[in-house]
Amino acid sequence: MSLDAIELQSGPEPVATIIVLHGLGADGNDFVPVARELDLRQIGAVRFVFPHAPTMPVTINGGYVMRAWYDILGVDLVKREDEAGLRNSVKLVEAFIANEKARGIPANRIVLMGFSQGCAMALMTGLRHAERLGGIIGLSGYLPLADTTAAERHAANQDTPIFLAHGKVDPVVPLARALASRDLLVKLGYKPDWHEYPMPHSVAPEEIDDINRWLLRVLGR
């Protein structure tokens, strides 16, 4: 399966790509306004790629068919995970990385960014990718298949910069779940840049500012 995507470039001949993965029930349009708020002119032109996730029935929503990177089997995000769906979507995200490399953007200039389910996919794919990426941004999400991470992660991305952000009053992905993911990453030797904001399951203006500064730092090297 190949996926459609929206593309946005801040100028000709981009020197970096940010692949943005949306959350459950949304589509690639969801984060286009956020991308337009970023000012990355210091590093040159940037290409944004916003894939549309596949459509599938989602168990927790009564089997309603919607865009999703994987099925949500219940309120507990850890005990029952859609491993097959997660692994299939890793392949889909990897295809977008491969396409950017084929267009001349090296892996270390590609950033994976995701919100909620998209955060899960960015972390799962990024930590397993066989070449060092430019960075991983995980917003309002968590690390899926956490117990397999130590065995399946790739050494190439051990030092890849990671930006994690979460709302203190998130009713969808509880802050405790996100903190557990952060703590596991730290235990495995990663150094995530952690941020909390007084918000629910959403994106805050100060969060966008922090992402902007972080991107300038990691892509400005």
N, C-alpha and C. Protein backbone atom coordinates (compact mmCIF):
# COMPACT_ATOMS: atom_id res chain seq x y z
N MET A 1 0.84 -1.20 0.00
CA MET A 1 0.00 0.00 0.00
C MET A 1 0.87 1.24 0.00
N SER A 2 0.49 2.22 -0.81
CA SER A 2 1.15 3.53 -0.77
C SER A 2 0.11 4.56 -0.37
N LEU A 3 0.54 5.62 0.24
CA LEU A 3 -0.37 6.62 0.78
C LEU A 3 -0.24 7.94 0.04
N ASP A 4 -1.35 8.65 -0.05
CA ASP A 4 -1.32 10.01 -0.57
C ASP A 4 -0.81 10.94 0.52
N ALA A 5 -0.31 12.09 0.11
CA ALA A 5 0.20 13.05 1.07
C ALA A 5 0.08 14.46 0.51
N ILE A 6 -0.03 15.41 1.40
CA ILE A 6 0.04 16.83 1.05
C ILE A 6 1.50 17.25 1.18
N GLU A 7 1.96 18.10 0.28
CA GLU A 7 3.32 18.62 0.37
C GLU A 7 3.30 20.14 0.39
N LEU A 8 4.21 20.68 1.15
CA LEU A 8 4.35 22.13 1.28
C LEU A 8 5.84 22.45 1.35
N GLN A 9 6.31 23.40 0.54
CA GLN A 9 7.71 23.80 0.58
C GLN A 9 7.81 25.28 0.92
N SER A 10 8.77 25.61 1.76
CA SER A 10 8.97 27.01 2.13
C SER A 10 9.80 27.75 1.09
N GLY A 11 10.31 27.02 0.11
CA GLY A 11 11.11 27.63 -0.94
C GLY A 11 11.64 26.56 -1.88
N PRO A 12 12.30 26.96 -2.97
CA PRO A 12 12.85 25.99 -3.91
C PRO A 12 14.08 25.28 -3.34
N GLU A 13 14.35 24.12 -3.86
CA GLU A 13 15.54 23.34 -3.49
C GLU A 13 15.64 23.15 -1.97
N PRO A 14 14.71 22.44 -1.37
CA PRO A 14 14.73 22.24 0.09
C PRO A 14 15.98 21.52 0.56
N VAL A 15 16.43 21.89 1.75
CA VAL A 15 17.63 21.29 2.33
C VAL A 15 17.28 20.34 3.48
N ALA A 16 16.00 20.24 3.81
CA ALA A 16 15.54 19.35 4.87
C ALA A 16 14.07 19.02 4.64
N THR A 17 13.65 17.90 5.22
CA THR A 17 12.24 17.49 5.11
C THR A 17 11.70 17.16 6.50
N ILE A 18 10.48 17.60 6.76
CA ILE A 18 9.79 17.24 7.99
C ILE A 18 8.54 16.45 7.59
N ILE A 19 8.49 15.20 7.98
CA ILE A 19 7.35 14.33 7.70
C ILE A 19 6.44 14.38 8.92
N VAL A 20 5.21 14.85 8.72
CA VAL A 20 4.29 15.11 9.83
C VAL A 20 3.14 14.10 9.81
N LEU A 21 3.00 13.34 10.89
CA LEU A 21 2.02 12.26 10.98
C LEU A 21 0.87 12.68 11.89
N HIS A 22 -0.32 12.70 11.35
CA HIS A 22 -1.50 13.20 12.08
C HIS A 22 -2.03 12.17 13.07
N GLY A 23 -3.02 12.58 13.84
CA GLY A 23 -3.62 11.71 14.84
C GLY A 23 -4.85 10.98 14.33
N LEU A 24 -5.44 10.19 15.20
CA LEU A 24 -6.60 9.36 14.88
C LEU A 24 -7.77 10.20 14.39
N GLY A 25 -8.32 9.79 13.24
CA GLY A 25 -9.50 10.45 12.70
C GLY A 25 -9.25 11.73 11.95
N ALA A 26 -8.03 12.21 11.95
CA ALA A 26 -7.68 13.43 11.20
C ALA A 26 -7.12 13.01 9.83
N ASP A 27 -6.47 13.93 9.15
CA ASP A 27 -5.75 13.59 7.93
C ASP A 27 -4.58 14.56 7.79
N GLY A 28 -3.90 14.49 6.66
CA GLY A 28 -2.70 15.29 6.50
C GLY A 28 -2.92 16.78 6.60
N ASN A 29 -4.16 17.24 6.37
CA ASN A 29 -4.44 18.68 6.45
C ASN A 29 -4.30 19.23 7.86
N ASP A 30 -4.37 18.34 8.86
CA ASP A 30 -4.50 18.77 10.24
C ASP A 30 -3.36 19.68 10.70
N PHE A 31 -2.14 19.38 10.27
CA PHE A 31 -0.99 20.14 10.77
C PHE A 31 -0.40 21.10 9.75
N VAL A 32 -1.06 21.28 8.63
CA VAL A 32 -0.59 22.28 7.67
C VAL A 32 -0.55 23.67 8.29
N PRO A 33 -1.59 24.09 9.03
CA PRO A 33 -1.51 25.43 9.66
C PRO A 33 -0.35 25.57 10.64
N VAL A 34 -0.02 24.49 11.36
CA VAL A 34 1.11 24.53 12.30
C VAL A 34 2.41 24.74 11.53
N ALA A 35 2.57 24.01 10.44
CA ALA A 35 3.78 24.14 9.63
C ALA A 35 3.94 25.56 9.10
N ARG A 36 2.82 26.18 8.75
CA ARG A 36 2.88 27.54 8.21
C ARG A 36 3.30 28.56 9.27
N GLU A 37 3.16 28.19 10.53
CA GLU A 37 3.56 29.10 11.61
C GLU A 37 5.06 29.00 11.91
N LEU A 38 5.72 27.96 11.44
CA LEU A 38 7.15 27.79 11.72
C LEU A 38 7.98 28.70 10.82
N ASP A 39 8.99 29.29 11.38
CA ASP A 39 9.91 30.14 10.63
C ASP A 39 11.29 29.50 10.67
N LEU A 40 11.61 28.78 9.60
CA LEU A 40 12.87 28.04 9.55
C LEU A 40 13.80 28.60 8.48
N ARG A 41 13.63 29.86 8.16
CA ARG A 41 14.43 30.46 7.08
C ARG A 41 15.93 30.40 7.36
N GLN A 42 16.30 30.37 8.61
CA GLN A 42 17.74 30.34 8.95
C GLN A 42 18.44 29.11 8.39
N ILE A 43 17.70 28.02 8.21
CA ILE A 43 18.35 26.79 7.72
C ILE A 43 18.12 26.58 6.23
N GLY A 44 17.34 27.44 5.59
CA GLY A 44 17.05 27.28 4.17
C GLY A 44 15.65 26.76 3.94
N ALA A 45 15.35 26.41 2.70
CA ALA A 45 14.01 25.92 2.35
C ALA A 45 13.78 24.53 2.96
N VAL A 46 12.54 24.31 3.40
CA VAL A 46 12.17 23.05 4.03
C VAL A 46 10.93 22.49 3.34
N ARG A 47 10.95 21.19 3.10
CA ARG A 47 9.77 20.50 2.56
C ARG A 47 9.01 19.84 3.71
N PHE A 48 7.72 20.06 3.76
CA PHE A 48 6.86 19.37 4.71
C PHE A 48 6.03 18.34 3.95
N VAL A 49 5.96 17.14 4.49
CA VAL A 49 5.17 16.07 3.90
C VAL A 49 4.14 15.63 4.94
N PHE A 50 2.86 15.66 4.55
CA PHE A 50 1.76 15.34 5.47
C PHE A 50 0.99 14.13 4.93
N PRO A 51 1.41 12.93 5.25
CA PRO A 51 0.71 11.75 4.73
C PRO A 51 -0.70 11.61 5.32
N HIS A 52 -1.60 11.02 4.54
CA HIS A 52 -2.92 10.64 5.03
C HIS A 52 -2.84 9.17 5.45
N ALA A 53 -3.15 8.89 6.70
CA ALA A 53 -3.13 7.50 7.18
C ALA A 53 -4.18 6.67 6.44
N PRO A 54 -4.03 5.34 6.44
CA PRO A 54 -5.05 4.48 5.84
C PRO A 54 -6.38 4.61 6.59
N THR A 55 -7.46 4.18 5.97
CA THR A 55 -8.74 4.10 6.67
C THR A 55 -8.95 2.67 7.16
N MET A 56 -9.51 2.55 8.35
CA MET A 56 -9.75 1.23 8.94
C MET A 56 -10.82 1.35 10.03
N PRO A 57 -11.48 0.24 10.36
CA PRO A 57 -12.40 0.29 11.50
C PRO A 57 -11.61 0.41 12.80
N VAL A 58 -12.06 1.28 13.69
CA VAL A 58 -11.36 1.50 14.96
C VAL A 58 -12.24 0.96 16.09
N THR A 59 -11.72 -0.05 16.77
CA THR A 59 -12.49 -0.78 17.77
C THR A 59 -13.07 0.12 18.85
N ILE A 60 -12.22 1.00 19.41
CA ILE A 60 -12.67 1.83 20.53
C ILE A 60 -13.78 2.80 20.13
N ASN A 61 -13.91 3.05 18.82
CA ASN A 61 -14.96 3.93 18.31
C ASN A 61 -16.09 3.13 17.67
N GLY A 62 -16.33 1.94 18.19
CA GLY A 62 -17.44 1.12 17.73
C GLY A 62 -17.27 0.56 16.34
N GLY A 63 -16.02 0.43 15.89
CA GLY A 63 -15.78 -0.10 14.56
C GLY A 63 -15.97 0.90 13.44
N TYR A 64 -16.16 2.16 13.79
CA TYR A 64 -16.33 3.20 12.78
C TYR A 64 -15.06 3.32 11.94
N VAL A 65 -15.23 3.40 10.63
CA VAL A 65 -14.08 3.47 9.72
C VAL A 65 -13.57 4.92 9.66
N MET A 66 -12.30 5.08 9.93
CA MET A 66 -11.69 6.42 9.90
C MET A 66 -10.21 6.28 9.59
N ARG A 67 -9.57 7.40 9.38
CA ARG A 67 -8.12 7.36 9.16
C ARG A 67 -7.42 7.03 10.47
N ALA A 68 -6.55 6.05 10.43
CA ALA A 68 -5.83 5.62 11.64
C ALA A 68 -4.55 4.91 11.21
N TRP A 69 -3.52 5.12 12.00
CA TRP A 69 -2.26 4.42 11.74
C TRP A 69 -2.31 2.99 12.27
N TYR A 70 -3.19 2.75 13.24
CA TYR A 70 -3.37 1.41 13.81
C TYR A 70 -4.67 1.42 14.61
N ASP A 71 -5.17 0.24 14.91
CA ASP A 71 -6.41 0.14 15.67
C ASP A 71 -6.17 0.44 17.15
N ILE A 72 -7.16 1.02 17.80
CA ILE A 72 -7.13 1.23 19.24
C ILE A 72 -8.12 0.22 19.83
N LEU A 73 -7.60 -0.76 20.55
CA LEU A 73 -8.42 -1.88 21.00
C LEU A 73 -9.14 -1.61 22.31
N GLY A 74 -8.70 -0.62 23.07
CA GLY A 74 -9.34 -0.30 24.34
C GLY A 74 -8.75 0.95 24.95
N VAL A 75 -9.32 1.36 26.07
CA VAL A 75 -8.86 2.58 26.74
C VAL A 75 -7.42 2.43 27.21
N ASP A 76 -7.05 1.25 27.67
CA ASP A 76 -5.66 1.02 28.10
C ASP A 76 -4.79 0.92 26.86
N LEU A 77 -3.84 1.84 26.74
CA LEU A 77 -3.01 1.91 25.53
C LEU A 77 -1.83 0.96 25.55
N VAL A 78 -1.68 0.17 26.64
CA VAL A 78 -0.51 -0.67 26.78
C VAL A 78 -0.83 -2.15 26.74
N LYS A 79 -1.88 -2.55 27.45
CA LYS A 79 -2.15 -3.99 27.62
C LYS A 79 -2.53 -4.68 26.32
N ARG A 80 -3.29 -3.99 25.46
CA ARG A 80 -3.72 -4.57 24.19
C ARG A 80 -3.36 -3.60 23.08
N GLU A 81 -2.35 -3.95 22.31
CA GLU A 81 -1.91 -3.09 21.21
C GLU A 81 -2.07 -3.81 19.88
N ASP A 82 -2.37 -3.05 18.86
CA ASP A 82 -2.52 -3.58 17.51
C ASP A 82 -1.13 -3.70 16.87
N GLU A 83 -0.42 -4.75 17.25
CA GLU A 83 0.96 -4.89 16.78
C GLU A 83 1.06 -4.97 15.27
N ALA A 84 0.15 -5.73 14.65
CA ALA A 84 0.19 -5.87 13.19
C ALA A 84 -0.03 -4.52 12.51
N GLY A 85 -0.99 -3.75 13.02
CA GLY A 85 -1.25 -2.44 12.44
C GLY A 85 -0.09 -1.49 12.62
N LEU A 86 0.51 -1.51 13.80
CA LEU A 86 1.67 -0.67 14.06
C LEU A 86 2.82 -1.00 13.12
N ARG A 87 3.09 -2.28 12.98
CA ARG A 87 4.24 -2.68 12.13
C ARG A 87 3.96 -2.39 10.66
N ASN A 88 2.73 -2.51 10.23
CA ASN A 88 2.41 -2.18 8.85
C ASN A 88 2.61 -0.69 8.60
N SER A 89 2.21 0.14 9.56
CA SER A 89 2.36 1.58 9.36
C SER A 89 3.82 2.03 9.43
N VAL A 90 4.65 1.31 10.17
CA VAL A 90 6.09 1.60 10.14
C VAL A 90 6.60 1.50 8.70
N LYS A 91 6.16 0.47 8.00
CA LYS A 91 6.58 0.30 6.60
C LYS A 91 6.11 1.47 5.74
N LEU A 92 4.89 1.95 6.01
CA LEU A 92 4.37 3.09 5.25
C LEU A 92 5.19 4.35 5.50
N VAL A 93 5.54 4.59 6.75
CA VAL A 93 6.35 5.77 7.08
C VAL A 93 7.76 5.62 6.51
N GLU A 94 8.30 4.43 6.57
CA GLU A 94 9.62 4.19 5.98
C GLU A 94 9.63 4.50 4.49
N ALA A 95 8.52 4.25 3.83
CA ALA A 95 8.45 4.54 2.40
C ALA A 95 8.55 6.04 2.13
N PHE A 96 7.99 6.84 3.01
CA PHE A 96 8.11 8.29 2.86
C PHE A 96 9.54 8.75 3.11
N ILE A 97 10.21 8.14 4.08
CA ILE A 97 11.62 8.47 4.31
C ILE A 97 12.44 8.11 3.07
N ALA A 98 12.21 6.93 2.52
CA ALA A 98 12.95 6.48 1.34
C ALA A 98 12.70 7.41 0.16
N ASN A 99 11.48 7.90 0.02
CA ASN A 99 11.16 8.80 -1.08
C ASN A 99 11.91 10.12 -0.95
N GLU A 100 12.02 10.62 0.28
CA GLU A 100 12.76 11.87 0.48
C GLU A 100 14.24 11.68 0.18
N LYS A 101 14.78 10.56 0.58
CA LYS A 101 16.19 10.27 0.27
C LYS A 101 16.39 10.18 -1.24
N ALA A 102 15.43 9.58 -1.94
CA ALA A 102 15.53 9.46 -3.39
C ALA A 102 15.47 10.83 -4.06
N ARG A 103 14.85 11.80 -3.39
CA ARG A 103 14.77 13.16 -3.93
C ARG A 103 15.94 14.04 -3.48
N GLY A 104 16.91 13.41 -2.82
CA GLY A 104 18.15 14.13 -2.50
C GLY A 104 18.28 14.65 -1.09
N ILE A 105 17.33 14.34 -0.21
CA ILE A 105 17.43 14.77 1.18
C ILE A 105 18.06 13.63 2.00
N PRO A 106 19.25 13.81 2.55
CA PRO A 106 19.87 12.73 3.33
C PRO A 106 19.08 12.44 4.61
N ALA A 107 19.23 11.24 5.11
CA ALA A 107 18.48 10.83 6.30
C ALA A 107 18.67 11.79 7.46
N ASN A 108 19.89 12.30 7.62
CA ASN A 108 20.15 13.17 8.78
C ASN A 108 19.59 14.58 8.61
N ARG A 109 18.84 14.81 7.52
CA ARG A 109 18.12 16.07 7.32
C ARG A 109 16.61 15.82 7.25
N ILE A 110 16.21 14.65 7.71
CA ILE A 110 14.78 14.30 7.72
C ILE A 110 14.32 14.20 9.17
N VAL A 111 13.26 14.90 9.49
CA VAL A 111 12.68 14.87 10.84
C VAL A 111 11.32 14.19 10.77
N LEU A 112 11.07 13.26 11.68
CA LEU A 112 9.76 12.66 11.83
C LEU A 112 9.02 13.39 12.94
N MET A 113 7.82 13.85 12.64
CA MET A 113 7.03 14.58 13.62
C MET A 113 5.62 13.98 13.64
N GLY A 114 5.07 13.76 14.83
CA GLY A 114 3.74 13.18 14.89
C GLY A 114 2.97 13.61 16.12
N PHE A 115 1.63 13.62 15.97
CA PHE A 115 0.72 13.98 17.05
C PHE A 115 -0.14 12.77 17.40
N SER A 116 -0.22 12.43 18.70
CA SER A 116 -1.05 11.34 19.20
C SER A 116 -0.65 10.01 18.53
N GLN A 117 -1.53 9.41 17.73
CA GLN A 117 -1.12 8.20 17.01
C GLN A 117 0.10 8.48 16.14
N GLY A 118 0.16 9.66 15.57
CA GLY A 118 1.31 10.02 14.75
C GLY A 118 2.58 10.09 15.56
N CYS A 119 2.47 10.53 16.83
CA CYS A 119 3.62 10.52 17.74
C CYS A 119 4.12 9.10 17.94
N ALA A 120 3.17 8.18 18.18
CA ALA A 120 3.55 6.78 18.36
C ALA A 120 4.31 6.25 17.14
N MET A 121 3.83 6.60 15.95
CA MET A 121 4.48 6.12 14.73
C MET A 121 5.85 6.78 14.53
N ALA A 122 5.97 8.07 14.87
CA ALA A 122 7.26 8.75 14.72
C ALA A 122 8.31 8.11 15.63
N LEU A 123 7.92 7.83 16.87
CA LEU A 123 8.86 7.22 17.81
C LEU A 123 9.21 5.79 17.40
N MET A 124 8.18 5.00 17.08
CA MET A 124 8.43 3.60 16.74
C MET A 124 9.30 3.48 15.49
N THR A 125 8.99 4.27 14.47
CA THR A 125 9.76 4.21 13.23
C THR A 125 11.15 4.81 13.40
N GLY A 126 11.20 5.98 14.02
CA GLY A 126 12.47 6.69 14.13
C GLY A 126 13.53 5.93 14.90
N LEU A 127 13.14 5.30 16.01
CA LEU A 127 14.12 4.59 16.83
C LEU A 127 14.62 3.32 16.15
N ARG A 128 13.84 2.80 15.19
CA ARG A 128 14.22 1.57 14.50
C ARG A 128 14.88 1.82 13.15
N HIS A 129 14.86 3.07 12.69
CA HIS A 129 15.39 3.35 11.36
C HIS A 129 16.90 3.08 11.29
N ALA A 130 17.34 2.55 10.17
CA ALA A 130 18.73 2.06 10.05
C ALA A 130 19.75 3.15 9.77
N GLU A 131 19.31 4.39 9.55
CA GLU A 131 20.23 5.52 9.38
C GLU A 131 19.83 6.62 10.36
N ARG A 132 20.81 7.41 10.76
CA ARG A 132 20.51 8.50 11.69
C ARG A 132 19.61 9.52 11.05
N LEU A 133 18.52 9.84 11.71
CA LEU A 133 17.60 10.87 11.25
C LEU A 133 17.98 12.23 11.84
N GLY A 134 17.40 13.27 11.29
CA GLY A 134 17.67 14.61 11.80
C GLY A 134 17.06 14.85 13.16
N GLY A 135 15.92 14.19 13.43
CA GLY A 135 15.27 14.36 14.72
C GLY A 135 13.92 13.67 14.73
N ILE A 136 13.36 13.54 15.93
CA ILE A 136 12.03 12.97 16.13
C ILE A 136 11.26 13.90 17.05
N ILE A 137 10.05 14.28 16.63
CA ILE A 137 9.18 15.13 17.44
C ILE A 137 7.93 14.33 17.77
N GLY A 138 7.68 14.11 19.05
CA GLY A 138 6.50 13.38 19.49
C GLY A 138 5.60 14.25 20.33
N LEU A 139 4.38 14.50 19.84
CA LEU A 139 3.45 15.42 20.50
C LEU A 139 2.22 14.66 21.01
N SER A 140 1.93 14.80 22.28
CA SER A 140 0.70 14.26 22.87
C SER A 140 0.49 12.79 22.57
N GLY A 141 1.56 12.02 22.66
CA GLY A 141 1.47 10.60 22.36
C GLY A 141 2.27 9.75 23.33
N TYR A 142 2.74 8.62 22.84
CA TYR A 142 3.44 7.67 23.70
C TYR A 142 4.26 6.73 22.83
N LEU A 143 5.10 5.92 23.46
CA LEU A 143 5.93 4.94 22.76
C LEU A 143 5.17 3.62 22.68
N PRO A 144 4.80 3.16 21.49
CA PRO A 144 4.08 1.89 21.37
C PRO A 144 5.04 0.70 21.39
N LEU A 145 4.49 -0.48 21.66
CA LEU A 145 5.29 -1.71 21.75
C LEU A 145 6.57 -1.44 22.54
N ALA A 146 6.40 -0.81 23.68
CA ALA A 146 7.54 -0.36 24.47
C ALA A 146 8.48 -1.50 24.84
N ASP A 147 7.91 -2.67 25.12
CA ASP A 147 8.73 -3.79 25.56
C ASP A 147 9.66 -4.33 24.47
N THR A 148 9.39 -3.99 23.22
CA THR A 148 10.23 -4.47 22.12
C THR A 148 11.29 -3.46 21.72
N THR A 149 11.22 -2.26 22.27
CA THR A 149 12.10 -1.17 21.81
C THR A 149 13.56 -1.48 22.03
N ALA A 150 13.91 -1.98 23.19
CA ALA A 150 15.32 -2.24 23.50
C ALA A 150 15.94 -3.21 22.49
N ALA A 151 15.17 -4.24 22.13
CA ALA A 151 15.70 -5.26 21.22
C ALA A 151 15.67 -4.82 19.76
N GLU A 152 14.71 -3.98 19.38
CA GLU A 152 14.51 -3.65 17.98
C GLU A 152 15.10 -2.30 17.55
N ARG A 153 15.44 -1.45 18.49
CA ARG A 153 15.98 -0.14 18.12
C ARG A 153 17.29 -0.30 17.35
N HIS A 154 17.62 0.71 16.58
CA HIS A 154 18.85 0.68 15.79
C HIS A 154 19.85 1.65 16.38
N ALA A 155 21.08 1.21 16.48
CA ALA A 155 22.13 2.03 17.09
C ALA A 155 22.33 3.35 16.34
N ALA A 156 21.98 3.40 15.06
CA ALA A 156 22.18 4.61 14.27
C ALA A 156 21.43 5.80 14.86
N ASN A 157 20.31 5.54 15.55
CA ASN A 157 19.51 6.64 16.08
C ASN A 157 19.58 6.75 17.60
N GLN A 158 20.63 6.19 18.19
CA GLN A 158 20.79 6.29 19.63
C GLN A 158 20.95 7.74 20.09
N ASP A 159 21.60 8.56 19.28
CA ASP A 159 21.86 9.96 19.68
C ASP A 159 21.00 10.96 18.90
N THR A 160 20.00 10.47 18.21
CA THR A 160 19.14 11.38 17.45
C THR A 160 18.35 12.29 18.40
N PRO A 161 18.32 13.59 18.16
CA PRO A 161 17.56 14.49 19.03
C PRO A 161 16.07 14.12 19.05
N ILE A 162 15.48 14.13 20.23
CA ILE A 162 14.06 13.80 20.40
C ILE A 162 13.38 14.92 21.19
N PHE A 163 12.31 15.44 20.62
CA PHE A 163 11.49 16.47 21.29
C PHE A 163 10.17 15.81 21.66
N LEU A 164 9.84 15.82 22.95
CA LEU A 164 8.57 15.26 23.42
C LEU A 164 7.77 16.34 24.14
N ALA A 165 6.49 16.43 23.83
CA ALA A 165 5.63 17.43 24.46
C ALA A 165 4.28 16.81 24.78
N HIS A 166 3.67 17.28 25.89
CA HIS A 166 2.39 16.72 26.30
C HIS A 166 1.61 17.73 27.12
N GLY A 167 0.29 17.62 27.05
CA GLY A 167 -0.58 18.47 27.85
C GLY A 167 -0.76 17.91 29.25
N LYS A 168 -0.75 18.80 30.22
CA LYS A 168 -0.88 18.37 31.61
C LYS A 168 -2.28 17.84 31.93
N VAL A 169 -3.27 18.23 31.13
CA VAL A 169 -4.65 17.78 31.38
C VAL A 169 -5.20 17.05 30.15
N ASP A 170 -4.36 16.23 29.54
CA ASP A 170 -4.76 15.46 28.36
C ASP A 170 -5.70 14.33 28.76
N PRO A 171 -6.97 14.33 28.29
CA PRO A 171 -7.90 13.28 28.66
C PRO A 171 -7.84 12.07 27.72
N VAL A 172 -7.10 12.18 26.62
CA VAL A 172 -7.04 11.11 25.62
C VAL A 172 -5.84 10.20 25.86
N VAL A 173 -4.66 10.79 25.91
CA VAL A 173 -3.44 10.07 26.28
C VAL A 173 -2.98 10.66 27.60
N PRO A 174 -3.24 10.00 28.72
CA PRO A 174 -2.91 10.57 30.02
C PRO A 174 -1.43 10.94 30.13
N LEU A 175 -1.18 12.02 30.85
CA LEU A 175 0.20 12.47 31.04
C LEU A 175 1.07 11.35 31.60
N ALA A 176 0.52 10.52 32.48
CA ALA A 176 1.30 9.43 33.08
C ALA A 176 1.82 8.47 32.02
N ARG A 177 1.03 8.22 30.97
CA ARG A 177 1.46 7.33 29.89
C ARG A 177 2.63 7.94 29.14
N ALA A 178 2.56 9.21 28.88
CA ALA A 178 3.64 9.90 28.19
C ALA A 178 4.90 9.94 29.04
N LEU A 179 4.74 10.18 30.34
CA LEU A 179 5.90 10.21 31.23
C LEU A 179 6.56 8.84 31.30
N ALA A 180 5.76 7.77 31.28
CA ALA A 180 6.34 6.42 31.30
C ALA A 180 7.16 6.17 30.04
N SER A 181 6.68 6.67 28.91
CA SER A 181 7.44 6.54 27.66
C SER A 181 8.75 7.33 27.73
N ARG A 182 8.64 8.55 28.24
CA ARG A 182 9.86 9.37 28.39
C ARG A 182 10.87 8.67 29.30
N ASP A 183 10.39 8.14 30.42
CA ASP A 183 11.30 7.51 31.38
C ASP A 183 11.95 6.27 30.80
N LEU A 184 11.21 5.52 29.98
CA LEU A 184 11.81 4.34 29.34
C LEU A 184 12.90 4.77 28.37
N LEU A 185 12.65 5.81 27.60
CA LEU A 185 13.67 6.30 26.67
C LEU A 185 14.93 6.72 27.41
N VAL A 186 14.75 7.41 28.53
CA VAL A 186 15.91 7.82 29.33
C VAL A 186 16.65 6.58 29.83
N LYS A 187 15.92 5.59 30.30
CA LYS A 187 16.54 4.36 30.79
C LYS A 187 17.35 3.66 29.71
N LEU A 188 16.90 3.80 28.45
CA LEU A 188 17.60 3.17 27.32
C LEU A 188 18.73 4.04 26.79
N GLY A 189 18.97 5.17 27.44
CA GLY A 189 20.11 6.00 27.06
C GLY A 189 19.81 7.16 26.14
N TYR A 190 18.54 7.37 25.80
CA TYR A 190 18.18 8.52 24.99
C TYR A 190 18.08 9.77 25.87
N LYS A 191 18.08 10.92 25.23
CA LYS A 191 18.03 12.19 25.97
C LYS A 191 16.90 13.06 25.42
N PRO A 192 15.66 12.64 25.66
CA PRO A 192 14.54 13.42 25.12
C PRO A 192 14.44 14.81 25.75
N ASP A 193 14.12 15.76 24.91
CA ASP A 193 13.88 17.13 25.35
C ASP A 193 12.40 17.22 25.71
N TRP A 194 12.09 17.20 27.01
CA TRP A 194 10.71 17.06 27.49
C TRP A 194 10.06 18.40 27.76
N HIS A 195 8.77 18.54 27.34
CA HIS A 195 8.02 19.77 27.57
C HIS A 195 6.60 19.43 28.00
N GLU A 196 6.09 20.15 28.99
CA GLU A 196 4.69 20.03 29.40
C GLU A 196 4.01 21.39 29.27
N TYR A 197 2.73 21.34 28.90
CA TYR A 197 1.98 22.58 28.70
C TYR A 197 0.60 22.47 29.37
N PRO A 198 0.04 23.57 29.83
CA PRO A 198 -1.30 23.55 30.45
C PRO A 198 -2.38 23.46 29.39
N MET A 199 -2.51 22.29 28.76
CA MET A 199 -3.46 22.11 27.66
C MET A 199 -4.02 20.69 27.69
N PRO A 200 -5.13 20.44 26.98
CA PRO A 200 -5.65 19.08 26.83
C PRO A 200 -4.94 18.38 25.66
N HIS A 201 -5.67 17.58 24.90
CA HIS A 201 -5.09 16.84 23.77
C HIS A 201 -5.08 17.76 22.56
N SER A 202 -4.11 18.65 22.53
CA SER A 202 -4.10 19.70 21.52
C SER A 202 -2.68 20.23 21.33
N VAL A 203 -2.57 21.34 20.64
CA VAL A 203 -1.28 22.00 20.42
C VAL A 203 -1.40 23.44 20.91
N ALA A 204 -0.40 23.91 21.64
CA ALA A 204 -0.42 25.26 22.19
C ALA A 204 0.56 26.16 21.45
N PRO A 205 0.28 27.47 21.39
CA PRO A 205 1.19 28.41 20.71
C PRO A 205 2.61 28.36 21.24
N GLU A 206 2.76 28.26 22.57
CA GLU A 206 4.12 28.19 23.12
C GLU A 206 4.83 26.90 22.73
N GLU A 207 4.05 25.85 22.51
CA GLU A 207 4.62 24.59 22.04
C GLU A 207 5.18 24.74 20.63
N ILE A 208 4.45 25.43 19.77
CA ILE A 208 4.93 25.67 18.41
C ILE A 208 6.21 26.49 18.44
N ASP A 209 6.28 27.48 19.32
CA ASP A 209 7.50 28.28 19.45
C ASP A 209 8.68 27.41 19.89
N ASP A 210 8.43 26.50 20.84
CA ASP A 210 9.50 25.61 21.31
C ASP A 210 9.96 24.67 20.20
N ILE A 211 9.00 24.15 19.42
CA ILE A 211 9.36 23.28 18.30
C ILE A 211 10.20 24.05 17.29
N ASN A 212 9.81 25.30 17.02
CA ASN A 212 10.55 26.13 16.08
C ASN A 212 12.01 26.29 16.51
N ARG A 213 12.21 26.63 17.78
CA ARG A 213 13.57 26.81 18.29
C ARG A 213 14.36 25.50 18.22
N TRP A 214 13.70 24.42 18.55
CA TRP A 214 14.36 23.10 18.54
C TRP A 214 14.78 22.72 17.12
N LEU A 215 13.90 22.92 16.16
CA LEU A 215 14.21 22.60 14.77
C LEU A 215 15.38 23.43 14.25
N LEU A 216 15.40 24.71 14.59
CA LEU A 216 16.51 25.55 14.17
C LEU A 216 17.83 25.03 14.73
N ARG A 217 17.76 24.51 15.96
CA ARG A 217 18.98 24.00 16.59
C ARG A 217 19.45 22.69 15.95
N VAL A 218 18.53 21.74 15.77
CA VAL A 218 18.97 20.41 15.31
C VAL A 218 19.23 20.38 13.81
N LEU A 219 18.55 21.24 13.04
CA LEU A 219 18.78 21.27 11.61
C LEU A 219 19.78 22.34 11.19
N GLY A 220 20.17 23.16 12.14
CA GLY A 220 21.12 24.22 11.83
C GLY A 220 22.56 23.81 12.02
N ARG A 221 22.78 22.54 12.34
CA ARG A 221 24.15 22.08 12.59
C ARG A 221 24.95 21.98 11.30
